[in-house]
Amino acid sequence: MASKGTVEDRRSLAEKLDADIDQMFDDMIKKNAGKKRKEEFSEEAFEEVLNTHPAFMNKTPTQEEIDQNPLLQGLQQLRYEDAEDTPEDQALAYKDDGNWHFKHKLYAKAVRAYTGGLLKKPSDNELTCTLYANRAAANFYLKNFRSSYLDSMEALKLQPNKIKSLMRCAQCCAELSKHTDAIVWLKKTLSVNPQHSAAKEMLQNVQRDMKTAERDKRKKEREEKARGAKTKALIEAIRNRGIKLNFANIKRSNDDNHLSLEDALIRRSVDNGNPSHAKVHFENDTATPGKLVWPVLFTYPEHEVSEIIEQFSEDNTFLDHLEIMFEEKAPWDEESNYALENLEVYHEFGVGCLRLVDSSRTLQDVLSSGEIVVTAGTPVFIVLCKVSPYRNIFLSKYSVRH
């Protein structure tokens, strides 16, 4: 393979291409010599074979294909590395290829071609400026807005009043939601060309978008302030009721910087959530302190099932909900033992201890007793059946308090 773009190298490569073409046709003839019908070797098949040879390719080969084909490598060197070519000649060749790729919307290849031209470091400032501006355009279509902006800035260092680069800077800033910067670039564009219609139209659009963004920002700030007030009221309500929360493995979030450590832990513990994503909140979901509504989990260890009550108001008794839950036979209760009069509700009390809950008590009464610890913002209760043999087996593993 030729290593320099000399006349001898060009002649050698041309001879190699001619010989390779002759050999390719000889191979095609031999391969099809035994075929009786001419149409068996179709025009499509003929073109497919031709397209495998560098002299007849109808698409631009990838760099990987070039690296695997000595003839393609030679052609690439002759195009870009002719010893008689100046850096400007080589950069122009890259620019032409980049323009071809850009025209065919092959923007990534265009970026690589323009980069190749810039690496030749041509002394022609106008050429260098064009390479930066064109690469900025290709990067823009690839949504590489920061790279496009930087390339446009480089072009402006060489030609400060280049309209295309001024507009590209404005477009990149607009895409990055930097409306103030976009307006600055558009006004600079209009200072160079006061009649630039695209700049005028874009300036109006960006100013409108900036007003919309500022309005949305104010709305978001109001909503965050309202959420903050609701959160603080909820934390205070939980603290005032003396409800214990499990802080194990709970970490303070960056969103909690406005809260004390204790308040932040309270918030994180009740926001931890459960499979239903229900969370404790004030009745009617307002920031006004009132009744707390909890998600409550009931487990039935005998049948290895559980169900969650997403709206258990703190002034409801356990009986209020059990009456509704067991108004009809549960689908998993094959022996029909879990009738309302047979149910017992327990909660864990310390390590290895269970406390029997009086079903006529309210949820607030039980949670405020200081005996139960709420984990993941969801109180958990165990339901057993008095007439089932399983009850005694289960309770024998615990210390039971009444």
Protein backbone atom coordinates (compact mmCIF):
# COMPACT_ATOMS: atom_id res chain seq x y z
CA MET A 1 0.00 0.00 0.00
CA ALA A 2 1.24 3.43 -0.84
CA SER A 3 2.47 5.49 2.07
CA LYS A 4 2.94 8.79 0.23
CA GLY A 5 0.94 10.52 -2.43
CA THR A 6 3.68 10.56 -5.09
CA VAL A 7 3.14 10.09 -8.82
CA GLU A 8 4.60 6.58 -8.55
CA ASP A 9 2.19 5.78 -5.73
CA ARG A 10 -0.78 6.95 -7.79
CA ARG A 11 0.33 4.86 -10.78
CA SER A 12 0.85 1.82 -8.57
CA LEU A 13 -2.55 2.13 -7.01
CA ALA A 14 -4.24 2.60 -10.39
CA GLU A 15 -2.52 -0.55 -11.71
CA LYS A 16 -3.61 -2.44 -8.62
CA LEU A 17 -7.21 -1.31 -9.14
CA ASP A 18 -7.12 -2.35 -12.82
CA ALA A 19 -5.71 -5.77 -11.97
CA ASP A 20 -8.21 -6.23 -9.19
CA ILE A 21 -11.13 -5.36 -11.50
CA ASP A 22 -9.88 -7.83 -14.15
CA GLN A 23 -9.58 -10.56 -11.55
CA MET A 24 -13.06 -9.81 -10.23
CA PHE A 25 -14.62 -10.19 -13.68
CA ASP A 26 -12.66 -13.43 -14.31
CA ASP A 27 -13.98 -14.82 -11.04
CA MET A 28 -17.54 -13.82 -11.95
CA ILE A 29 -17.26 -15.57 -15.34
CA LYS A 30 -15.85 -18.77 -13.81
CA LYS A 31 -18.51 -18.79 -11.10
CA ASN A 32 -21.33 -18.61 -13.64
CA ALA A 33 -19.78 -20.64 -16.46
CA GLY A 34 -21.94 -23.68 -15.67
CA LYS A 35 -25.25 -21.84 -15.67
CA LYS A 36 -27.45 -22.62 -18.64
CA ARG A 37 -29.68 -19.61 -18.48
CA LYS A 38 -28.32 -16.11 -18.71
CA GLU A 39 -31.12 -14.68 -16.59
CA GLU A 40 -30.01 -16.79 -13.62
CA PHE A 41 -27.28 -14.21 -12.99
CA SER A 42 -29.51 -11.15 -12.57
CA GLU A 43 -28.64 -7.50 -13.00
CA GLU A 44 -29.22 -7.03 -9.27
CA ALA A 45 -26.71 -9.76 -8.44
CA PHE A 46 -24.20 -8.22 -10.87
CA GLU A 47 -24.55 -4.80 -9.21
CA GLU A 48 -24.26 -6.37 -5.76
CA VAL A 49 -20.89 -7.89 -6.68
CA LEU A 50 -19.69 -4.64 -8.23
CA ASN A 51 -20.60 -2.70 -5.08
CA THR A 52 -18.09 -4.73 -3.10
CA HIS A 53 -15.22 -3.19 -5.08
CA PRO A 54 -13.91 0.32 -4.22
CA ALA A 55 -14.14 1.46 -7.84
CA PHE A 56 -17.88 0.75 -8.03
CA MET A 57 -19.20 1.40 -4.50
CA ASN A 58 -22.41 3.44 -4.52
CA LYS A 59 -22.26 4.39 -0.83
CA THR A 60 -19.66 5.90 1.43
CA PRO A 61 -17.74 3.13 3.24
CA THR A 62 -17.46 3.24 7.02
CA GLN A 63 -14.09 3.77 8.68
CA GLU A 64 -14.21 0.13 9.78
CA GLU A 65 -14.66 -0.97 6.15
CA ILE A 66 -11.79 1.28 5.13
CA ASP A 67 -9.51 -0.16 7.83
CA GLN A 68 -10.23 -3.70 6.57
CA ASN A 69 -9.64 -2.94 2.89
CA PRO A 70 -6.10 -2.00 1.69
CA LEU A 71 -7.46 -0.52 -1.53
CA LEU A 72 -9.82 1.75 0.37
CA GLN A 73 -6.97 2.79 2.65
CA GLY A 74 -4.91 3.67 -0.39
CA LEU A 75 -7.71 5.74 -1.90
CA GLN A 76 -8.21 7.54 1.40
CA GLN A 77 -4.52 8.40 1.60
CA LEU A 78 -4.47 9.65 -1.98
CA ARG A 79 -7.43 11.92 -1.21
CA TYR A 80 -6.19 13.35 2.07
CA GLU A 81 -2.45 12.71 2.23
CA ASP A 82 -1.01 13.69 -1.13
CA ALA A 83 2.51 14.90 -0.36
CA GLU A 84 2.04 17.70 -2.89
CA ASP A 85 -1.14 18.98 -1.19
CA THR A 86 -0.97 21.88 1.26
CA PRO A 87 -2.85 21.76 4.60
CA GLU A 88 -5.43 24.01 2.93
CA ASP A 89 -5.89 21.49 0.07
CA GLN A 90 -6.32 18.65 2.55
CA ALA A 91 -8.69 20.68 4.73
CA LEU A 92 -10.76 21.56 1.65
CA ALA A 93 -11.05 17.88 0.77
CA TYR A 94 -12.38 17.18 4.27
CA LYS A 95 -14.75 20.15 4.00
CA ASP A 96 -16.15 18.90 0.69
CA ASP A 97 -16.75 15.46 2.18
CA GLY A 98 -18.37 17.04 5.23
CA ASN A 99 -20.67 19.09 3.00
CA TRP A 100 -21.67 15.95 1.09
CA HIS A 101 -22.48 14.11 4.34
CA PHE A 102 -24.37 17.12 5.66
CA LYS A 103 -26.42 17.38 2.47
CA HIS A 104 -27.43 13.74 2.89
CA LYS A 105 -28.23 14.27 6.61
CA LEU A 106 -25.32 12.10 7.74
CA TYR A 107 -24.50 14.58 10.48
CA ALA A 108 -22.19 12.41 12.59
CA LYS A 109 -20.03 11.69 9.53
CA ALA A 110 -20.11 15.38 8.67
CA VAL A 111 -18.77 16.23 12.13
CA ARG A 112 -15.91 13.76 11.68
CA ALA A 113 -15.06 15.18 8.25
CA TYR A 114 -15.04 18.81 9.44
CA THR A 115 -12.93 17.75 12.43
CA GLY A 116 -10.45 16.13 10.04
CA GLY A 117 -10.19 19.42 8.18
CA LEU A 118 -9.59 21.40 11.37
CA LEU A 119 -6.86 18.96 12.44
CA LYS A 120 -4.93 19.96 9.30
CA LYS A 121 -4.68 23.46 10.82
CA PRO A 122 -5.03 25.43 7.58
CA SER A 123 -3.58 28.94 7.66
CA ASP A 124 -6.60 30.28 5.74
CA ASN A 125 -8.76 31.87 8.47
CA GLU A 126 -11.84 31.94 6.26
CA LEU A 127 -11.55 28.20 5.62
CA THR A 128 -11.02 27.51 9.31
CA CYS A 129 -14.01 29.67 10.17
CA THR A 130 -16.17 27.77 7.66
CA LEU A 131 -15.09 24.42 9.09
CA TYR A 132 -16.06 25.54 12.62
CA ALA A 133 -19.37 27.00 11.41
CA ASN A 134 -20.24 23.90 9.40
CA ARG A 135 -19.34 21.59 12.28
CA ALA A 136 -21.52 23.74 14.53
CA ALA A 137 -24.43 23.16 12.14
CA ALA A 138 -23.89 19.39 12.08
CA ASN A 139 -23.62 19.28 15.87
CA PHE A 140 -26.81 21.32 16.13
CA TYR A 141 -28.76 18.77 14.10
CA LEU A 142 -27.32 16.04 16.33
CA LYS A 143 -28.71 18.03 19.30
CA ASN A 144 -25.17 18.55 20.63
CA PHE A 145 -26.11 22.12 21.49
CA ARG A 146 -23.16 22.89 23.76
CA SER A 147 -20.66 21.62 21.18
CA SER A 148 -22.47 23.58 18.49
CA TYR A 149 -22.29 26.72 20.63
CA LEU A 150 -18.55 26.29 21.27
CA ASP A 151 -17.86 25.77 17.55
CA SER A 152 -19.87 28.88 16.71
CA MET A 153 -17.84 30.86 19.24
CA GLU A 154 -14.62 29.67 17.58
CA ALA A 155 -15.95 30.80 14.21
CA LEU A 156 -16.80 34.21 15.65
CA LYS A 157 -13.26 34.63 16.94
CA LEU A 158 -12.17 34.58 13.30
CA GLN A 159 -15.14 36.47 11.85
CA PRO A 160 -16.92 38.42 14.63
CA ASN A 161 -19.80 39.52 12.40
CA LYS A 162 -20.56 36.14 10.79
CA ILE A 163 -24.37 36.11 10.77
CA LYS A 164 -24.65 32.32 10.54
CA SER A 165 -22.57 31.85 13.69
CA LEU A 166 -24.33 34.62 15.58
CA MET A 167 -27.68 33.01 14.82
CA ARG A 168 -26.33 29.57 15.73
CA CYS A 169 -25.25 30.87 19.14
CA ALA A 170 -28.75 32.24 19.67
CA GLN A 171 -30.36 28.97 18.58
CA CYS A 172 -28.17 26.92 20.92
CA CYS A 173 -28.94 29.19 23.86
CA ALA A 174 -32.66 28.93 23.10
CA GLU A 175 -32.49 25.13 22.98
CA LEU A 176 -30.67 25.14 26.31
CA SER A 177 -33.37 27.44 27.77
CA LYS A 178 -30.84 30.24 28.24
CA HIS A 179 -33.31 32.83 27.04
CA THR A 180 -31.41 35.90 28.26
CA ASP A 181 -28.24 34.82 26.41
CA ALA A 182 -30.27 34.02 23.29
CA ILE A 183 -31.73 37.54 23.31
CA VAL A 184 -28.22 39.02 23.60
CA TRP A 185 -27.05 37.06 20.54
CA LEU A 186 -30.14 37.96 18.53
CA LYS A 187 -29.73 41.66 19.30
CA LYS A 188 -26.09 41.42 18.25
CA THR A 189 -27.22 39.78 15.00
CA LEU A 190 -29.65 42.63 14.37
CA SER A 191 -26.93 45.18 15.11
CA VAL A 192 -24.98 43.66 12.22
CA ASN A 193 -28.03 43.26 10.00
CA PRO A 194 -31.07 45.23 11.23
CA GLN A 195 -33.25 43.74 8.47
CA HIS A 196 -32.57 40.09 9.33
CA SER A 197 -36.15 38.71 9.33
CA ALA A 198 -35.30 35.35 10.95
CA ALA A 199 -33.55 37.11 13.83
CA LYS A 200 -36.52 39.44 14.33
CA GLU A 201 -38.98 36.56 14.42
CA MET A 202 -36.81 34.47 16.71
CA LEU A 203 -36.32 37.41 19.08
CA GLN A 204 -40.10 37.70 19.51
CA ASN A 205 -40.41 33.95 20.09
CA VAL A 206 -37.58 33.83 22.63
CA GLN A 207 -38.97 36.82 24.54
CA ARG A 208 -42.36 35.09 24.66
CA ASP A 209 -40.76 31.81 25.80
CA MET A 210 -38.81 33.66 28.49
CA LYS A 211 -42.02 35.18 29.88
CA THR A 212 -43.63 31.74 29.87
CA ALA A 213 -40.63 30.21 31.63
CA GLU A 214 -40.62 32.95 34.27
CA ARG A 215 -44.35 32.46 34.84
CA ASP A 216 -43.88 28.69 35.18
CA LYS A 217 -40.99 29.25 37.57
CA ARG A 218 -43.11 31.49 39.80
CA LYS A 219 -45.92 28.93 39.72
CA LYS A 220 -43.50 26.16 40.67
CA GLU A 221 -42.12 28.24 43.53
CA ARG A 222 -45.64 28.86 44.84
CA GLU A 223 -46.44 25.15 44.63
CA GLU A 224 -43.20 24.24 46.41
CA LYS A 225 -43.97 26.78 49.12
CA ALA A 226 -47.45 25.30 49.56
CA ARG A 227 -46.03 21.78 49.71
CA GLY A 228 -43.48 22.96 52.26
CA ALA A 229 -46.23 24.43 54.45
CA LYS A 230 -48.25 21.22 54.17
CA THR A 231 -45.19 19.13 55.03
CA LYS A 232 -44.36 21.19 58.11
CA ALA A 233 -47.97 21.03 59.32
CA LEU A 234 -48.03 17.27 58.82
CA ILE A 235 -44.74 16.81 60.69
CA GLU A 236 -46.01 18.92 63.56
CA ALA A 237 -49.25 16.93 63.74
CA ILE A 238 -47.41 13.61 63.91
CA ARG A 239 -45.04 14.95 66.58
CA ASN A 240 -47.88 16.37 68.69
CA ARG A 241 -49.64 13.00 68.69
CA GLY A 242 -46.56 11.27 70.04
CA ILE A 243 -46.53 8.76 67.19
CA LYS A 244 -43.30 6.77 66.96
CA LEU A 245 -41.69 6.32 63.56
CA ASN A 246 -38.96 3.92 62.50
CA PHE A 247 -35.94 5.95 61.37
CA ALA A 248 -33.77 2.92 60.59
CA ASN A 249 -32.01 3.24 57.23
CA ILE A 250 -33.68 6.63 56.66
CA LYS A 251 -31.31 9.25 55.27
CA ARG A 252 -31.82 12.97 55.04
CA SER A 253 -32.41 14.21 51.51
CA ASN A 254 -31.02 17.35 49.92
CA ASP A 255 -34.67 18.45 49.57
CA ASP A 256 -34.88 18.60 53.38
CA ASN A 257 -32.24 21.27 53.95
CA HIS A 258 -34.94 23.69 55.17
CA LEU A 259 -35.93 21.22 57.91
CA SER A 260 -34.30 20.29 61.20
CA LEU A 261 -32.73 16.83 61.38
CA GLU A 262 -35.67 15.41 63.33
CA ASP A 263 -38.24 16.94 60.99
CA ALA A 264 -36.32 15.71 57.96
CA LEU A 265 -36.30 12.17 59.34
CA ILE A 266 -40.02 12.33 60.08
CA ARG A 267 -40.72 13.48 56.54
CA ARG A 268 -38.55 10.79 54.97
CA SER A 269 -40.03 8.04 57.13
CA VAL A 270 -43.64 8.81 56.16
CA ASP A 271 -42.70 9.46 52.51
CA ASN A 272 -40.99 6.09 52.24
CA GLY A 273 -44.27 4.72 51.01
CA ASN A 274 -45.69 1.24 50.48
CA PRO A 275 -46.69 -0.83 47.42
CA SER A 276 -49.93 1.17 47.06
CA HIS A 277 -47.98 4.48 47.23
CA ALA A 278 -50.55 5.80 49.71
CA LYS A 279 -49.18 8.22 52.30
CA VAL A 280 -50.39 9.79 55.53
CA HIS A 281 -52.12 13.10 54.90
CA PHE A 282 -54.66 15.50 56.32
CA GLU A 283 -58.30 14.80 55.62
CA ASN A 284 -59.32 16.43 52.31
CA ASP A 285 -55.58 16.63 51.55
CA THR A 286 -55.21 20.25 52.65
CA ALA A 287 -52.46 22.05 54.52
CA THR A 288 -54.92 22.94 57.28
CA PRO A 289 -54.24 20.81 60.37
CA GLY A 290 -57.07 18.37 60.94
CA LYS A 291 -57.64 14.64 61.03
CA LEU A 292 -54.78 12.44 59.87
CA VAL A 293 -55.58 9.74 57.34
CA TRP A 294 -53.17 6.78 57.24
CA PRO A 295 -52.55 3.83 54.95
CA VAL A 296 -52.87 0.76 57.21
CA LEU A 297 -51.70 -2.76 56.38
CA PHE A 298 -53.53 -5.84 57.71
CA THR A 299 -51.72 -9.17 57.46
CA TYR A 300 -53.24 -12.65 57.77
CA PRO A 301 -50.28 -14.95 58.48
CA GLU A 302 -52.41 -18.10 58.49
CA HIS A 303 -53.19 -17.59 54.82
CA GLU A 304 -50.06 -15.61 53.89
CA VAL A 305 -52.07 -12.73 52.48
CA SER A 306 -52.36 -9.06 53.30
CA GLU A 307 -54.45 -6.07 52.30
CA ILE A 308 -53.98 -2.35 52.67
CA ILE A 309 -56.58 0.20 53.70
CA GLU A 310 -55.41 3.37 51.96
CA GLN A 311 -57.83 5.72 53.76
CA PHE A 312 -57.92 4.85 57.46
CA SER A 313 -58.89 8.03 59.31
CA GLU A 314 -57.36 8.35 62.74
CA ASP A 315 -60.81 8.77 64.36
CA ASN A 316 -62.07 5.48 62.84
CA THR A 317 -62.12 2.40 65.05
CA PHE A 318 -60.73 -0.92 63.88
CA LEU A 319 -64.23 -2.31 64.08
CA ASP A 320 -65.41 0.33 61.57
CA HIS A 321 -63.17 -1.15 58.92
CA LEU A 322 -63.36 -4.82 59.91
CA GLU A 323 -67.14 -4.73 59.56
CA ILE A 324 -66.82 -3.58 55.97
CA MET A 325 -63.87 -5.84 55.15
CA PHE A 326 -65.61 -9.01 56.39
CA GLU A 327 -69.17 -8.17 55.45
CA GLU A 328 -68.76 -10.96 52.93
CA LYS A 329 -66.62 -14.07 53.08
CA ALA A 330 -62.97 -13.51 52.09
CA PRO A 331 -62.01 -15.49 48.97
CA TRP A 332 -59.08 -17.11 50.79
CA ASP A 333 -61.20 -18.14 53.83
CA GLU A 334 -62.23 -21.60 52.62
CA GLU A 335 -63.46 -22.74 56.06
CA SER A 336 -65.40 -19.51 56.69
CA ASN A 337 -63.68 -19.00 60.05
CA TYR A 338 -62.89 -15.31 59.60
CA ALA A 339 -66.23 -13.98 60.71
CA LEU A 340 -66.25 -10.62 62.46
CA GLU A 341 -66.91 -12.09 65.91
CA ASN A 342 -63.91 -14.43 65.55
CA LEU A 343 -61.30 -11.80 64.67
CA GLU A 344 -58.42 -10.62 66.85
CA VAL A 345 -56.12 -7.73 65.95
CA TYR A 346 -52.53 -7.52 67.23
CA HIS A 347 -49.59 -5.23 66.76
CA GLU A 348 -45.93 -5.80 67.53
CA PHE A 349 -44.82 -4.43 70.85
CA GLY A 350 -41.09 -4.42 71.38
CA VAL A 351 -38.97 -7.43 70.44
CA GLY A 352 -40.86 -10.73 70.33
CA CYS A 353 -43.99 -9.23 71.87
CA LEU A 354 -47.52 -8.78 70.58
CA ARG A 355 -50.23 -6.53 71.97
CA LEU A 356 -53.90 -7.42 71.52
CA VAL A 357 -55.79 -4.41 70.17
CA ASP A 358 -59.25 -3.54 71.39
CA SER A 359 -61.15 -3.25 68.09
CA SER A 360 -63.35 -0.54 69.53
CA ARG A 361 -60.35 1.79 69.91
CA THR A 362 -59.54 4.42 67.30
CA LEU A 363 -56.43 4.34 65.19
CA GLN A 364 -55.20 7.59 66.80
CA ASP A 365 -55.60 6.07 70.24
CA VAL A 366 -53.48 3.05 69.29
CA LEU A 367 -50.79 4.98 67.40
CA SER A 368 -50.47 7.62 70.12
CA SER A 369 -49.99 5.03 72.86
CA GLY A 370 -46.28 5.00 72.16
CA GLU A 371 -46.23 1.21 71.93
CA ILE A 372 -46.37 0.80 68.17
CA VAL A 373 -43.62 1.91 65.78
CA VAL A 374 -44.71 2.93 62.28
CA THR A 375 -42.37 1.75 59.53
CA ALA A 376 -42.38 3.14 55.97
CA GLY A 377 -45.26 5.45 56.89
CA THR A 378 -47.64 2.49 57.18
CA PRO A 379 -48.92 1.01 60.49
CA VAL A 380 -49.06 -2.80 60.36
CA PHE A 381 -51.52 -5.03 62.23
CA ILE A 382 -51.85 -8.81 62.44
CA VAL A 383 -55.30 -10.42 62.20
CA LEU A 384 -55.90 -13.90 63.65
CA CYS A 385 -58.96 -16.09 63.98
CA LYS A 386 -59.90 -17.23 67.53
CA VAL A 387 -61.46 -20.51 66.36
CA SER A 388 -58.53 -21.55 64.17
CA PRO A 389 -55.86 -23.93 65.59
CA TYR A 390 -53.29 -21.81 63.80
CA ARG A 391 -53.90 -18.94 66.24
CA ASN A 392 -52.39 -20.75 69.24
CA ILE A 393 -49.46 -22.03 67.20
CA PHE A 394 -48.68 -18.51 66.00
CA LEU A 395 -49.06 -16.84 69.40
CA SER A 396 -46.85 -19.44 71.07
CA LYS A 397 -43.87 -17.82 69.33
CA TYR A 398 -44.48 -14.48 71.04
CA SER A 399 -44.98 -12.92 74.40
CA VAL A 400 -48.58 -11.72 74.25
CA ARG A 401 -49.87 -8.75 76.24
CA HIS A 402 -53.51 -7.79 76.61
